[in-house]
Amino acid sequence: MSDIKQVSVLLSGEMTVAGIGAAHAELAAALREPGRGPVVVDIGGVTEADLTFIQLLEAARRSAAEADRDLTLAQPAGPVVQEILQRGGFLDADPGRATFWLQGATNR
């Protein structure tokens, strides 16, 4: 029997171009964890974000899919992240993307 464990990543505070390197390192390490368990990212504590953060998570989601792994959010994106998603048009172009970010919640 294989032991499939969830890998959790907590990203909080300012997620902008100035400090995105640490978030990138955490996500990359989580995706390298052995096994095929899902990677669950908690972004509930993000207080500031820019498009760099959105691009990082979108790239991580694609990388996870290519490795046959799931990458999900622990909860729907909050108002800070939703504002960036709206301004960047990330919620309009692809229903799958909106499902990832909002998990069925309504746009705020």
PDB file of N, CA and C in Angstrom:
ATOM      1  N   MET A   1       0.847  -1.178   0.000  1.00  0.00           N
ATOM      2  CA  MET A   1       0.000   0.000   0.000  1.00  0.00           C
ATOM      3  C   MET A   1       0.888   1.236   0.000  1.00  0.00           C
ATOM      4  N   SER A   2       0.608   2.169  -0.887  1.00  0.00           N
ATOM      5  CA  SER A   2       1.420   3.384  -0.937  1.00  0.00           C
ATOM      6  C   SER A   2       0.837   4.432   0.004  1.00  0.00           C
ATOM      7  N   ASP A   3       1.729   5.174   0.599  1.00  0.00           N
ATOM      8  CA  ASP A   3       1.329   6.217   1.537  1.00  0.00           C
ATOM      9  C   ASP A   3       1.335   7.552   0.805  1.00  0.00           C
ATOM     10  N   ILE A   4       0.152   8.020   0.412  1.00  0.00           N
ATOM     11  CA  ILE A   4       0.042   9.287  -0.302  1.00  0.00           C
ATOM     12  C   ILE A   4      -0.265  10.366   0.717  1.00  0.00           C
ATOM     13  N   LYS A   5       0.678  11.288   0.873  1.00  0.00           N
ATOM     14  CA  LYS A   5       0.477  12.343   1.856  1.00  0.00           C
ATOM     15  C   LYS A   5       0.335  13.693   1.175  1.00  0.00           C
ATOM     16  N   GLN A   6      -0.451  14.511   1.786  1.00  0.00           N
ATOM     17  CA  GLN A   6      -0.641  15.879   1.323  1.00  0.00           C
ATOM     18  C   GLN A   6       0.573  16.711   1.717  1.00  0.00           C
ATOM     19  N   VAL A   7       0.983  17.592   0.836  1.00  0.00           N
ATOM     20  CA  VAL A   7       2.061  18.530   1.123  1.00  0.00           C
ATOM     21  C   VAL A   7       1.430  19.909   1.251  1.00  0.00           C
ATOM     22  N   SER A   8       1.654  20.566   2.373  1.00  0.00           N
ATOM     23  CA  SER A   8       1.060  21.883   2.611  1.00  0.00           C
ATOM     24  C   SER A   8       2.110  22.977   2.489  1.00  0.00           C
ATOM     25  N   VAL A   9       1.695  24.089   1.882  1.00  0.00           N
ATOM     26  CA  VAL A   9       2.557  25.261   1.738  1.00  0.00           C
ATOM     27  C   VAL A   9       1.775  26.462   2.249  1.00  0.00           C
ATOM     28  N   LEU A  10       2.375  27.223   3.144  1.00  0.00           N
ATOM     29  CA  LEU A  10       1.753  28.436   3.672  1.00  0.00           C
ATOM     30  C   LEU A  10       2.461  29.639   3.073  1.00  0.00           C
ATOM     31  N   LEU A  11       1.706  30.454   2.337  1.00  0.00           N
ATOM     32  CA  LEU A  11       2.237  31.693   1.780  1.00  0.00           C
ATOM     33  C   LEU A  11       1.451  32.840   2.395  1.00  0.00           C
ATOM     34  N   SER A  12       2.153  33.779   3.012  1.00  0.00           N
ATOM     35  CA  SER A  12       1.458  34.883   3.674  1.00  0.00           C
ATOM     36  C   SER A  12       2.281  36.155   3.576  1.00  0.00           C
ATOM     37  N   GLY A  13       1.653  37.255   3.972  1.00  0.00           N
ATOM     38  CA  GLY A  13       2.331  38.546   3.941  1.00  0.00           C
ATOM     39  C   GLY A  13       2.339  39.131   2.540  1.00  0.00           C
ATOM     40  N   GLU A  14       3.417  39.840   2.218  1.00  0.00           N
ATOM     41  CA  GLU A  14       3.548  40.487   0.913  1.00  0.00           C
ATOM     42  C   GLU A  14       4.054  39.497  -0.121  1.00  0.00           C
ATOM     43  N   MET A  15       3.268  39.295  -1.150  1.00  0.00           N
ATOM     44  CA  MET A  15       3.640  38.409  -2.253  1.00  0.00           C
ATOM     45  C   MET A  15       3.779  39.264  -3.509  1.00  0.00           C
ATOM     46  N   THR A  16       4.889  39.999  -3.560  1.00  0.00           N
ATOM     47  CA  THR A  16       5.157  40.892  -4.684  1.00  0.00           C
ATOM     48  C   THR A  16       6.508  40.537  -5.291  1.00  0.00           C
ATOM     49  N   VAL A  17       6.827  41.173  -6.391  1.00  0.00           N
ATOM     50  CA  VAL A  17       8.065  40.883  -7.104  1.00  0.00           C
ATOM     51  C   VAL A  17       9.288  41.001  -6.196  1.00  0.00           C
ATOM     52  N   ALA A  18       9.244  41.879  -5.223  1.00  0.00           N
ATOM     53  CA  ALA A  18      10.392  42.090  -4.334  1.00  0.00           C
ATOM     54  C   ALA A  18      10.726  40.862  -3.491  1.00  0.00           C
ATOM     55  N   GLY A  19       9.732  40.066  -3.156  1.00  0.00           N
ATOM     56  CA  GLY A  19       9.998  38.935  -2.273  1.00  0.00           C
ATOM     57  C   GLY A  19       9.482  37.606  -2.769  1.00  0.00           C
ATOM     58  N   ILE A  20       9.224  37.495  -4.061  1.00  0.00           N
ATOM     59  CA  ILE A  20       8.594  36.282  -4.585  1.00  0.00           C
ATOM     60  C   ILE A  20       9.539  35.081  -4.598  1.00  0.00           C
ATOM     61  N   GLY A  21      10.828  35.324  -4.490  1.00  0.00           N
ATOM     62  CA  GLY A  21      11.808  34.236  -4.538  1.00  0.00           C
ATOM     63  C   GLY A  21      11.589  33.181  -3.470  1.00  0.00           C
ATOM     64  N   ALA A  22      11.279  33.613  -2.254  1.00  0.00           N
ATOM     65  CA  ALA A  22      11.051  32.662  -1.158  1.00  0.00           C
ATOM     66  C   ALA A  22       9.810  31.811  -1.427  1.00  0.00           C
ATOM     67  N   ALA A  23       8.753  32.441  -1.946  1.00  0.00           N
ATOM     68  CA  ALA A  23       7.535  31.696  -2.268  1.00  0.00           C
ATOM     69  C   ALA A  23       7.817  30.687  -3.379  1.00  0.00           C
ATOM     70  N   HIS A  24       8.586  31.095  -4.362  1.00  0.00           N
ATOM     71  CA  HIS A  24       8.964  30.188  -5.448  1.00  0.00           C
ATOM     72  C   HIS A  24       9.718  28.983  -4.895  1.00  0.00           C
ATOM     73  N   ALA A  25      10.669  29.233  -4.009  1.00  0.00           N
ATOM     74  CA  ALA A  25      11.459  28.141  -3.426  1.00  0.00           C
ATOM     75  C   ALA A  25      10.574  27.168  -2.650  1.00  0.00           C
ATOM     76  N   GLU A  26       9.610  27.693  -1.894  1.00  0.00           N
ATOM     77  CA  GLU A  26       8.712  26.827  -1.116  1.00  0.00           C
ATOM     78  C   GLU A  26       7.846  25.964  -2.024  1.00  0.00           C
ATOM     79  N   LEU A  27       7.293  26.578  -3.073  1.00  0.00           N
ATOM     80  CA  LEU A  27       6.453  25.813  -3.998  1.00  0.00           C
ATOM     81  C   LEU A  27       7.269  24.769  -4.754  1.00  0.00           C
ATOM     82  N   ALA A  28       8.452  25.146  -5.195  1.00  0.00           N
ATOM     83  CA  ALA A  28       9.305  24.196  -5.917  1.00  0.00           C
ATOM     84  C   ALA A  28       9.666  23.009  -5.025  1.00  0.00           C
ATOM     85  N   ALA A  29       9.984  23.277  -3.768  1.00  0.00           N
ATOM     86  CA  ALA A  29      10.315  22.195  -2.829  1.00  0.00           C
ATOM     87  C   ALA A  29       9.113  21.281  -2.615  1.00  0.00           C
ATOM     88  N   ALA A  30       7.930  21.859  -2.499  1.00  0.00           N
ATOM     89  CA  ALA A  30       6.719  21.056  -2.300  1.00  0.00           C
ATOM     90  C   ALA A  30       6.461  20.157  -3.503  1.00  0.00           C
ATOM     91  N   LEU A  31       6.678  20.684  -4.694  1.00  0.00           N
ATOM     92  CA  LEU A  31       6.452  19.888  -5.899  1.00  0.00           C
ATOM     93  C   LEU A  31       7.504  18.798  -6.077  1.00  0.00           C
ATOM     94  N   ARG A  32       8.650  18.957  -5.450  1.00  0.00           N
ATOM     95  CA  ARG A  32       9.698  17.931  -5.510  1.00  0.00           C
ATOM     96  C   ARG A  32       9.526  16.848  -4.446  1.00  0.00           C
ATOM     97  N   GLU A  33       8.628  17.068  -3.487  1.00  0.00           N
ATOM     98  CA  GLU A  33       8.393  16.062  -2.441  1.00  0.00           C
ATOM     99  C   GLU A  33       8.055  14.732  -3.100  1.00  0.00           C
ATOM    100  N   PRO A  34       8.599  13.642  -2.585  1.00  0.00           N
ATOM    101  CA  PRO A  34       8.296  12.338  -3.178  1.00  0.00           C
ATOM    102  C   PRO A  34       6.817  11.980  -3.024  1.00  0.00           C
ATOM    103  N   GLY A  35       6.356  11.159  -3.927  1.00  0.00           N
ATOM    104  CA  GLY A  35       4.968  10.718  -3.882  1.00  0.00           C
ATOM    105  C   GLY A  35       4.108  11.523  -4.827  1.00  0.00           C
ATOM    106  N   ARG A  36       2.856  11.216  -4.819  1.00  0.00           N
ATOM    107  CA  ARG A  36       1.908  11.865  -5.724  1.00  0.00           C
ATOM    108  C   ARG A  36       0.795  12.576  -4.971  1.00  0.00           C
ATOM    109  N   GLY A  37       1.014  12.825  -3.692  1.00  0.00           N
ATOM    110  CA  GLY A  37      -0.009  13.498  -2.911  1.00  0.00           C
ATOM    111  C   GLY A  37      -0.220  14.921  -3.380  1.00  0.00           C
ATOM    112  N   PRO A  38      -1.380  15.466  -3.084  1.00  0.00           N
ATOM    113  CA  PRO A  38      -1.675  16.829  -3.519  1.00  0.00           C
ATOM    114  C   PRO A  38      -0.828  17.863  -2.779  1.00  0.00           C
ATOM    115  N   VAL A  39      -0.586  18.965  -3.453  1.00  0.00           N
ATOM    116  CA  VAL A  39       0.062  20.122  -2.842  1.00  0.00           C
ATOM    117  C   VAL A  39      -1.051  21.128  -2.571  1.00  0.00           C
ATOM    118  N   VAL A  40      -1.227  21.473  -1.301  1.00  0.00           N
ATOM    119  CA  VAL A  40      -2.285  22.401  -0.900  1.00  0.00           C
ATOM    120  C   VAL A  40      -1.629  23.689  -0.426  1.00  0.00           C
ATOM    121  N   VAL A  41      -1.997  24.792  -1.075  1.00  0.00           N
ATOM    122  CA  VAL A  41      -1.375  26.081  -0.801  1.00  0.00           C
ATOM    123  C   VAL A  41      -2.360  26.968  -0.042  1.00  0.00           C
ATOM    124  N   ASP A  42      -1.944  27.422   1.123  1.00  0.00           N
ATOM    125  CA  ASP A  42      -2.759  28.315   1.945  1.00  0.00           C
ATOM    126  C   ASP A  42      -2.304  29.745   1.677  1.00  0.00           C
ATOM    127  N   ILE A  43      -3.174  30.538   1.035  1.00  0.00           N
ATOM    128  CA  ILE A  43      -2.857  31.934   0.731  1.00  0.00           C
ATOM    129  C   ILE A  43      -3.743  32.893   1.524  1.00  0.00           C
ATOM    130  N   GLY A  44      -4.400  32.367   2.553  1.00  0.00           N
ATOM    131  CA  GLY A  44      -5.319  33.181   3.347  1.00  0.00           C
ATOM    132  C   GLY A  44      -4.664  34.356   4.048  1.00  0.00           C
ATOM    133  N   GLY A  45      -3.375  34.270   4.309  1.00  0.00           N
ATOM    134  CA  GLY A  45      -2.678  35.343   5.006  1.00  0.00           C
ATOM    135  C   GLY A  45      -1.958  36.321   4.100  1.00  0.00           C
ATOM    136  N   VAL A  46      -2.226  36.256   2.794  1.00  0.00           N
ATOM    137  CA  VAL A  46      -1.587  37.194   1.867  1.00  0.00           C
ATOM    138  C   VAL A  46      -2.191  38.579   2.078  1.00  0.00           C
ATOM    139  N   THR A  47      -1.332  39.548   2.387  1.00  0.00           N
ATOM    140  CA  THR A  47      -1.792  40.913   2.668  1.00  0.00           C
ATOM    141  C   THR A  47      -1.579  41.860   1.500  1.00  0.00           C
ATOM    142  N   GLU A  48      -0.686  41.494   0.599  1.00  0.00           N
ATOM    143  CA  GLU A  48      -0.417  42.302  -0.588  1.00  0.00           C
ATOM    144  C   GLU A  48       0.078  41.363  -1.677  1.00  0.00           C
ATOM    145  N   ALA A  49      -0.361  41.611  -2.909  1.00  0.00           N
ATOM    146  CA  ALA A  49       0.049  40.748  -4.015  1.00  0.00           C
ATOM    147  C   ALA A  49       0.124  41.563  -5.296  1.00  0.00           C
ATOM    148  N   ASP A  50       0.891  41.033  -6.245  1.00  0.00           N
ATOM    149  CA  ASP A  50       0.917  41.610  -7.579  1.00  0.00           C
ATOM    150  C   ASP A  50       0.855  40.467  -8.593  1.00  0.00           C
ATOM    151  N   LEU A  51       0.953  40.819  -9.866  1.00  0.00           N
ATOM    152  CA  LEU A  51       0.838  39.790 -10.903  1.00  0.00           C
ATOM    153  C   LEU A  51       1.920  38.723 -10.807  1.00  0.00           C
ATOM    154  N   THR A  52       3.049  39.055 -10.217  1.00  0.00           N
ATOM    155  CA  THR A  52       4.112  38.068 -10.043  1.00  0.00           C
ATOM    156  C   THR A  52       3.609  36.875  -9.236  1.00  0.00           C
ATOM    157  N   PHE A  53       2.836  37.142  -8.208  1.00  0.00           N
ATOM    158  CA  PHE A  53       2.287  36.091  -7.351  1.00  0.00           C
ATOM    159  C   PHE A  53       1.314  35.213  -8.130  1.00  0.00           C
ATOM    160  N   ILE A  54       0.442  35.854  -8.894  1.00  0.00           N
ATOM    161  CA  ILE A  54      -0.532  35.104  -9.693  1.00  0.00           C
ATOM    162  C   ILE A  54       0.208  34.226 -10.698  1.00  0.00           C
ATOM    163  N   GLN A  55       1.197  34.792 -11.369  1.00  0.00           N
ATOM    164  CA  GLN A  55       1.965  34.038 -12.353  1.00  0.00           C
ATOM    165  C   GLN A  55       2.699  32.866 -11.704  1.00  0.00           C
ATOM    166  N   LEU A  56       3.227  33.080 -10.515  1.00  0.00           N
ATOM    167  CA  LEU A  56       3.919  32.003  -9.804  1.00  0.00           C
ATOM    168  C   LEU A  56       2.978  30.832  -9.530  1.00  0.00           C
ATOM    169  N   LEU A  57       1.793  31.123  -9.019  1.00  0.00           N
ATOM    170  CA  LEU A  57       0.850  30.042  -8.712  1.00  0.00           C
ATOM    171  C   LEU A  57       0.321  29.376  -9.976  1.00  0.00           C
ATOM    172  N   GLU A  58       0.110  30.152 -11.030  1.00  0.00           N
ATOM    173  CA  GLU A  58      -0.330  29.554 -12.296  1.00  0.00           C
ATOM    174  C   GLU A  58       0.752  28.622 -12.849  1.00  0.00           C
ATOM    175  N   ALA A  59       2.010  29.041 -12.773  1.00  0.00           N
ATOM    176  CA  ALA A  59       3.113  28.194 -13.238  1.00  0.00           C
ATOM    177  C   ALA A  59       3.233  26.938 -12.375  1.00  0.00           C
ATOM    178  N   ALA A  60       3.064  27.087 -11.075  1.00  0.00           N
ATOM    179  CA  ALA A  60       3.125  25.934 -10.171  1.00  0.00           C
ATOM    180  C   ALA A  60       1.992  24.961 -10.474  1.00  0.00           C
ATOM    181  N   ARG A  61       0.834  25.493 -10.777  1.00  0.00           N
ATOM    182  CA  ARG A  61      -0.313  24.643 -11.113  1.00  0.00           C
ATOM    183  C   ARG A  61      -0.033  23.840 -12.383  1.00  0.00           C
ATOM    184  N   ARG A  62       0.546  24.499 -13.386  1.00  0.00           N
ATOM    185  CA  ARG A  62       0.903  23.795 -14.627  1.00  0.00           C
ATOM    186  C   ARG A  62       1.983  22.743 -14.375  1.00  0.00           C
ATOM    187  N   SER A  63       2.983  23.105 -13.595  1.00  0.00           N
ATOM    188  CA  SER A  63       4.059  22.147 -13.277  1.00  0.00           C
ATOM    189  C   SER A  63       3.510  20.932 -12.542  1.00  0.00           C
ATOM    190  N   ALA A  64       2.594  21.169 -11.616  1.00  0.00           N
ATOM    191  CA  ALA A  64       1.979  20.062 -10.881  1.00  0.00           C
ATOM    192  C   ALA A  64       1.214  19.151 -11.839  1.00  0.00           C
ATOM    193  N   ALA A  65       0.446  19.737 -12.741  1.00  0.00           N
ATOM    194  CA  ALA A  65      -0.324  18.941 -13.698  1.00  0.00           C
ATOM    195  C   ALA A  65       0.601  18.114 -14.589  1.00  0.00           C
ATOM    196  N   GLU A  66       1.715  18.709 -15.021  1.00  0.00           N
ATOM    197  CA  GLU A  66       2.672  17.981 -15.858  1.00  0.00           C
ATOM    198  C   GLU A  66       3.300  16.812 -15.104  1.00  0.00           C
ATOM    199  N   ALA A  67       3.396  16.935 -13.785  1.00  0.00           N
ATOM    200  CA  ALA A  67       3.956  15.866 -12.949  1.00  0.00           C
ATOM    201  C   ALA A  67       2.871  14.929 -12.426  1.00  0.00           C
ATOM    202  N   ASP A  68       1.645  15.083 -12.949  1.00  0.00           N
ATOM    203  CA  ASP A  68       0.503  14.266 -12.540  1.00  0.00           C
ATOM    204  C   ASP A  68       0.202  14.413 -11.053  1.00  0.00           C
ATOM    205  N   ARG A  69       0.253  15.659 -10.584  1.00  0.00           N
ATOM    206  CA  ARG A  69      -0.076  15.976  -9.188  1.00  0.00           C
ATOM    207  C   ARG A  69      -1.141  17.052  -9.172  1.00  0.00           C
ATOM    208  N   ASP A  70      -1.884  17.093  -8.085  1.00  0.00           N
ATOM    209  CA  ASP A  70      -2.866  18.152  -7.890  1.00  0.00           C
ATOM    210  C   ASP A  70      -2.241  19.268  -7.071  1.00  0.00           C
ATOM    211  N   LEU A  71      -2.513  20.495  -7.458  1.00  0.00           N
ATOM    212  CA  LEU A  71      -2.151  21.661  -6.670  1.00  0.00           C
ATOM    213  C   LEU A  71      -3.437  22.442  -6.474  1.00  0.00           C
ATOM    214  N   THR A  72      -3.824  22.624  -5.226  1.00  0.00           N
ATOM    215  CA  THR A  72      -5.067  23.319  -4.915  1.00  0.00           C
ATOM    216  C   THR A  72      -4.816  24.386  -3.860  1.00  0.00           C
ATOM    217  N   LEU A  73      -5.795  25.260  -3.715  1.00  0.00           N
ATOM    218  CA  LEU A  73      -5.746  26.254  -2.651  1.00  0.00           C
ATOM    219  C   LEU A  73      -6.500  25.716  -1.445  1.00  0.00           C
ATOM    220  N   ALA A  74      -6.050  26.068  -0.257  1.00  0.00           N
ATOM    221  CA  ALA A  74      -6.705  25.620   0.975  1.00  0.00           C
ATOM    222  C   ALA A  74      -8.076  26.261   1.137  1.00  0.00           C
ATOM    223  N   GLN A  75      -8.240  27.452   0.570  1.00  0.00           N
ATOM    224  CA  GLN A  75      -9.511  28.166   0.615  1.00  0.00           C
ATOM    225  C   GLN A  75      -9.565  29.088  -0.598  1.00  0.00           C
ATOM    226  N   PRO A  76     -10.758  29.573  -0.946  1.00  0.00           N
ATOM    227  CA  PRO A  76     -10.839  30.487  -2.092  1.00  0.00           C
ATOM    228  C   PRO A  76      -9.967  31.724  -1.877  1.00  0.00           C
ATOM    229  N   ALA A  77      -9.497  32.282  -2.969  1.00  0.00           N
ATOM    230  CA  ALA A  77      -8.700  33.508  -2.907  1.00  0.00           C
ATOM    231  C   ALA A  77      -9.494  34.607  -2.211  1.00  0.00           C
ATOM    232  N   GLY A  78      -8.826  35.331  -1.337  1.00  0.00           N
ATOM    233  CA  GLY A  78      -9.457  36.433  -0.621  1.00  0.00           C
ATOM    234  C   GLY A  78      -9.477  37.704  -1.453  1.00  0.00           C
ATOM    235  N   PRO A  79     -10.002  38.778  -0.876  1.00  0.00           N
ATOM    236  CA  PRO A  79     -10.173  40.035  -1.610  1.00  0.00           C
ATOM    237  C   PRO A  79      -8.882  40.605  -2.197  1.00  0.00           C
ATOM    238  N   VAL A  80      -7.779  40.513  -1.477  1.00  0.00           N
ATOM    239  CA  VAL A  80      -6.509  41.065  -1.973  1.00  0.00           C
ATOM    240  C   VAL A  80      -6.104  40.370  -3.271  1.00  0.00           C
ATOM    241  N   VAL A  81      -6.169  39.054  -3.280  1.00  0.00           N
ATOM    242  CA  VAL A  81      -5.771  38.287  -4.462  1.00  0.00           C
ATOM    243  C   VAL A  81      -6.822  38.418  -5.557  1.00  0.00           C
ATOM    244  N   GLN A  82      -8.093  38.423  -5.192  1.00  0.00           N
ATOM    245  CA  GLN A  82      -9.152  38.550  -6.197  1.00  0.00           C
ATOM    246  C   GLN A  82      -9.045  39.853  -6.972  1.00  0.00           C
ATOM    247  N   GLU A  83      -8.640  40.910  -6.306  1.00  0.00           N
ATOM    248  CA  GLU A  83      -8.487  42.197  -6.997  1.00  0.00           C
ATOM    249  C   GLU A  83      -7.444  42.085  -8.117  1.00  0.00           C
ATOM    250  N   ILE A  84      -6.332  41.428  -7.834  1.00  0.00           N
ATOM    251  CA  ILE A  84      -5.284  41.244  -8.840  1.00  0.00           C
ATOM    252  C   ILE A  84      -5.789  40.333  -9.965  1.00  0.00           C
ATOM    253  N   LEU A  85      -6.497  39.282  -9.609  1.00  0.00           N
ATOM    254  CA  LEU A  85      -7.051  38.371 -10.611  1.00  0.00           C
ATOM    255  C   LEU A  85      -8.001  39.104 -11.551  1.00  0.00           C
ATOM    256  N   GLN A  86      -8.849  39.949 -10.987  1.00  0.00           N
ATOM    257  CA  GLN A  86      -9.809  40.716 -11.798  1.00  0.00           C
ATOM    258  C   GLN A  86      -9.088  41.681 -12.728  1.00  0.00           C
ATOM    259  N   ARG A  87      -8.161  42.445 -12.179  1.00  0.00           N
ATOM    260  CA  ARG A  87      -7.441  43.435 -12.994  1.00  0.00           C
ATOM    261  C   ARG A  87      -6.650  42.772 -14.110  1.00  0.00           C
ATOM    262  N   GLY A  88      -6.120  41.588 -13.848  1.00  0.00           N
ATOM    263  CA  GLY A  88      -5.332  40.878 -14.854  1.00  0.00           C
ATOM    264  C   GLY A  88      -6.158  40.043 -15.818  1.00  0.00           C
ATOM    265  N   GLY A  89      -7.470  39.973 -15.608  1.00  0.00           N
ATOM    266  CA  GLY A  89      -8.336  39.198 -16.491  1.00  0.00           C
ATOM    267  C   GLY A  89      -8.196  37.692 -16.328  1.00  0.00           C
ATOM    268  N   PHE A  90      -7.685  37.258 -15.198  1.00  0.00           N
ATOM    269  CA  PHE A  90      -7.434  35.830 -14.987  1.00  0.00           C
ATOM    270  C   PHE A  90      -8.705  35.024 -14.735  1.00  0.00           C
ATOM    271  N   LEU A  91      -9.780  35.668 -14.366  1.00  0.00           N
ATOM    272  CA  LEU A  91     -10.998  34.923 -14.036  1.00  0.00           C
ATOM    273  C   LEU A  91     -11.952  34.811 -15.212  1.00  0.00           C
ATOM    274  N   ASP A  92     -11.706  35.584 -16.271  1.00  0.00           N
ATOM    275  CA  ASP A  92     -12.626  35.612 -17.399  1.00  0.00           C
ATOM    276  C   ASP A  92     -12.271  34.623 -18.499  1.00  0.00           C
ATOM    277  N   ALA A  93     -10.995  34.407 -18.712  1.00  0.00           N
ATOM    278  CA  ALA A  93     -10.540  33.667 -19.887  1.00  0.00           C
ATOM    279  C   ALA A  93     -10.732  32.156 -19.791  1.00  0.00           C
ATOM    280  N   ASP A  94     -10.679  31.600 -18.614  1.00  0.00           N
ATOM    281  CA  ASP A  94     -10.635  30.144 -18.466  1.00  0.00           C
ATOM    282  C   ASP A  94     -11.453  29.715 -17.252  1.00  0.00           C
ATOM    283  N   PRO A  95     -12.569  28.995 -17.474  1.00  0.00           N
ATOM    284  CA  PRO A  95     -13.388  28.559 -16.337  1.00  0.00           C
ATOM    285  C   PRO A  95     -12.617  27.699 -15.336  1.00  0.00           C
ATOM    286  N   GLY A  96     -11.672  26.891 -15.809  1.00  0.00           N
ATOM    287  CA  GLY A  96     -10.863  26.065 -14.910  1.00  0.00           C
ATOM    288  C   GLY A  96     -10.018  26.911 -13.983  1.00  0.00           C
ATOM    289  N   ARG A  97      -9.537  28.019 -14.507  1.00  0.00           N
ATOM    290  CA  ARG A  97      -8.729  28.930 -13.699  1.00  0.00           C
ATOM    291  C   ARG A  97      -9.595  29.561 -12.607  1.00  0.00           C
ATOM    292  N   ALA A  98     -10.800  29.981 -12.967  1.00  0.00           N
ATOM    293  CA  ALA A  98     -11.703  30.568 -11.970  1.00  0.00           C
ATOM    294  C   ALA A  98     -12.042  29.546 -10.891  1.00  0.00           C
ATOM    295  N   THR A  99     -12.241  28.298 -11.283  1.00  0.00           N
ATOM    296  CA  THR A  99     -12.528  27.245 -10.310  1.00  0.00           C
ATOM    297  C   THR A  99     -11.358  27.066  -9.353  1.00  0.00           C
ATOM    298  N   PHE A 100     -10.136  27.071  -9.879  1.00  0.00           N
ATOM    299  CA  PHE A 100      -8.951  26.943  -9.026  1.00  0.00           C
ATOM    300  C   PHE A 100      -8.904  28.071  -7.999  1.00  0.00           C
ATOM    301  N   TRP A 101      -9.047  29.300  -8.446  1.00  0.00           N
ATOM    302  CA  TRP A 101      -8.885  30.453  -7.559  1.00  0.00           C
ATOM    303  C   TRP A 101     -10.071  30.671  -6.625  1.00  0.00           C
ATOM    304  N   LEU A 102     -11.289  30.442  -7.113  1.00  0.00           N
ATOM    305  CA  LEU A 102     -12.487  30.797  -6.334  1.00  0.00           C
ATOM    306  C   LEU A 102     -13.180  29.600  -5.707  1.00  0.00           C
ATOM    307  N   GLN A 103     -12.921  28.398  -6.192  1.00  0.00           N
ATOM    308  CA  GLN A 103     -13.513  27.171  -5.655  1.00  0.00           C
ATOM    309  C   GLN A 103     -15.031  27.257  -5.520  1.00  0.00           C
ATOM    310  N   GLY A 104     -15.660  27.852  -6.510  1.00  0.00           N
ATOM    311  CA  GLY A 104     -17.111  27.956  -6.501  1.00  0.00           C
ATOM    312  C   GLY A 104     -17.652  29.163  -5.767  1.00  0.00           C
ATOM    313  N   ALA A 105     -16.790  29.925  -5.110  1.00  0.00           N
ATOM    314  CA  ALA A 105     -17.238  31.140  -4.415  1.00  0.00           C
ATOM    315  C   ALA A 105     -17.537  32.221  -5.450  1.00  0.00           C
ATOM    316  N   THR A 106     -18.277  33.206  -5.037  1.00  0.00           N
ATOM    317  CA  THR A 106     -18.613  34.318  -5.908  1.00  0.00           C
ATOM    318  C   THR A 106     -17.496  35.346  -5.895  1.00  0.00           C
ATOM    319  N   ASN A 107     -17.252  35.931  -7.061  1.00  0.00           N
ATOM    320  CA  ASN A 107     -16.298  37.038  -7.145  1.00  0.00           C
ATOM    321  C   ASN A 107     -16.715  38.151  -6.207  1.00  0.00           C
ATOM    322  N   ARG A 108     -15.762  38.712  -5.491  1.00  0.00           N
ATOM    323  CA  ARG A 108     -16.090  39.815  -4.570  1.00  0.00           C
ATOM    324  C   ARG A 108     -15.907  41.138  -5.248  1.00  0.00           C
TER     325      ARG A 108
END
